[in-house]
């Protein structure tokens, strides 16, 4: 993930956004550990809630 974020930053992006479901706890925890913040939620057409996370690039990792 660090290599991906470095590559994205090198391409000129200032943040990365991802979405996951609460049922995928390991993915949610990994994203939080890697510096993502919860910025909102979305509701799918099936009525499920997705968690939206964003990480500002260039910030130090807190792993």
C-alpha atoms as a PDB file:
ATOM      1  CA  UNK A   1       0.000   0.000   0.000  1.00  0.00           C
ATOM      2  CA  UNK A   2       2.867   2.381   0.761  1.00  0.00           C
ATOM      3  CA  UNK A   3       4.307   1.830  -2.714  1.00  0.00           C
ATOM      4  CA  UNK A   4       0.910   2.494  -4.277  1.00  0.00           C
ATOM      5  CA  UNK A   5       0.480   5.723  -2.338  1.00  0.00           C
ATOM      6  CA  UNK A   6       3.987   6.854  -3.264  1.00  0.00           C
ATOM      7  CA  UNK A   7       3.276   6.179  -6.943  1.00  0.00           C
ATOM      8  CA  UNK A   8      -0.050   8.030  -6.797  1.00  0.00           C
ATOM      9  CA  UNK A   9       1.609  11.026  -5.102  1.00  0.00           C
ATOM     10  CA  UNK A  10       4.320  11.004  -7.780  1.00  0.00           C
ATOM     11  CA  UNK A  11       1.546  11.265 -10.378  1.00  0.00           C
ATOM     12  CA  UNK A  12       0.411  14.518  -8.757  1.00  0.00           C
ATOM     13  CA  UNK A  13      -2.537  13.352  -6.690  1.00  0.00           C
ATOM     14  CA  UNK A  14      -2.989  14.862  -3.233  1.00  0.00           C
ATOM     15  CA  UNK A  15      -5.241  12.197  -1.712  1.00  0.00           C
ATOM     16  CA  UNK A  16      -6.559   8.639  -2.084  1.00  0.00           C
ATOM     17  CA  UNK A  17     -10.180   7.704  -1.470  1.00  0.00           C
ATOM     18  CA  UNK A  18     -11.497   4.191  -0.909  1.00  0.00           C
ATOM     19  CA  UNK A  19     -14.774   2.573   0.119  1.00  0.00           C
ATOM     20  CA  UNK A  20     -15.495  -0.530   2.163  1.00  0.00           C
ATOM     21  CA  UNK A  21     -18.233  -2.196   4.143  1.00  0.00           C
ATOM     22  CA  UNK A  22     -18.225  -2.584   7.917  1.00  0.00           C
ATOM     23  CA  UNK A  23     -18.322  -6.366   7.440  1.00  0.00           C
ATOM     24  CA  UNK A  24     -14.793  -6.202   5.993  1.00  0.00           C
ATOM     25  CA  UNK A  25     -13.279  -5.236   9.330  1.00  0.00           C
ATOM     26  CA  UNK A  26      -9.720  -6.212   8.400  1.00  0.00           C
ATOM     27  CA  UNK A  27      -9.771  -3.865   5.388  1.00  0.00           C
ATOM     28  CA  UNK A  28     -11.313  -1.097   7.472  1.00  0.00           C
ATOM     29  CA  UNK A  29      -8.681  -1.491  10.205  1.00  0.00           C
ATOM     30  CA  UNK A  30      -5.832  -1.642   7.672  1.00  0.00           C
ATOM     31  CA  UNK A  31      -6.983   1.599   6.064  1.00  0.00           C
ATOM     32  CA  UNK A  32      -7.278   3.318   9.435  1.00  0.00           C
ATOM     33  CA  UNK A  33      -3.795   2.123  10.453  1.00  0.00           C
ATOM     34  CA  UNK A  34      -2.396   3.427   7.173  1.00  0.00           C
ATOM     35  CA  UNK A  35      -3.622   6.946   7.823  1.00  0.00           C
ATOM     36  CA  UNK A  36      -7.062   7.015   6.236  1.00  0.00           C
ATOM     37  CA  UNK A  37      -9.856   8.996   7.866  1.00  0.00           C
ATOM     38  CA  UNK A  38     -13.559   8.178   7.640  1.00  0.00           C
ATOM     39  CA  UNK A  39     -15.073  11.022   5.624  1.00  0.00           C
ATOM     40  CA  UNK A  40     -18.589   9.754   5.081  1.00  0.00           C
ATOM     41  CA  UNK A  41     -20.910   6.969   4.070  1.00  0.00           C
ATOM     42  CA  UNK A  42     -22.820   5.987   0.949  1.00  0.00           C
ATOM     43  CA  UNK A  43     -25.925   3.880   0.559  1.00  0.00           C
ATOM     44  CA  UNK A  44     -25.864   1.338  -2.264  1.00  0.00           C
ATOM     45  CA  UNK A  45     -28.860   0.585  -4.472  1.00  0.00           C
ATOM     46  CA  UNK A  46     -29.393  -2.513  -2.292  1.00  0.00           C
ATOM     47  CA  UNK A  47     -29.616  -0.295   0.803  1.00  0.00           C
ATOM     48  CA  UNK A  48     -26.224  -1.300   2.198  1.00  0.00           C
ATOM     49  CA  UNK A  49     -23.992   1.290   3.855  1.00  0.00           C
ATOM     50  CA  UNK A  50     -20.465   1.765   2.533  1.00  0.00           C
ATOM     51  CA  UNK A  51     -17.816   3.574   4.551  1.00  0.00           C
ATOM     52  CA  UNK A  52     -15.841   6.191   2.608  1.00  0.00           C
ATOM     53  CA  UNK A  53     -12.238   6.771   3.680  1.00  0.00           C
ATOM     54  CA  UNK A  54      -9.675   9.309   2.486  1.00  0.00           C
ATOM     55  CA  UNK A  55      -5.964   9.691   3.043  1.00  0.00           C
ATOM     56  CA  UNK A  56      -4.123  12.930   2.351  1.00  0.00           C
ATOM     57  CA  UNK A  57      -0.827  11.989   0.739  1.00  0.00           C
ATOM     58  CA  UNK A  58       2.456  13.226   2.066  1.00  0.00           C
ATOM     59  CA  UNK A  59       1.545  12.778   5.717  1.00  0.00           C
ATOM     60  CA  UNK A  60       3.764  10.516   7.839  1.00  0.00           C
ATOM     61  CA  UNK A  61       2.571   6.969   8.464  1.00  0.00           C
ATOM     62  CA  UNK A  62       1.409   6.019  11.938  1.00  0.00           C
ATOM     63  CA  UNK A  63       1.867   2.272  11.608  1.00  0.00           C
END
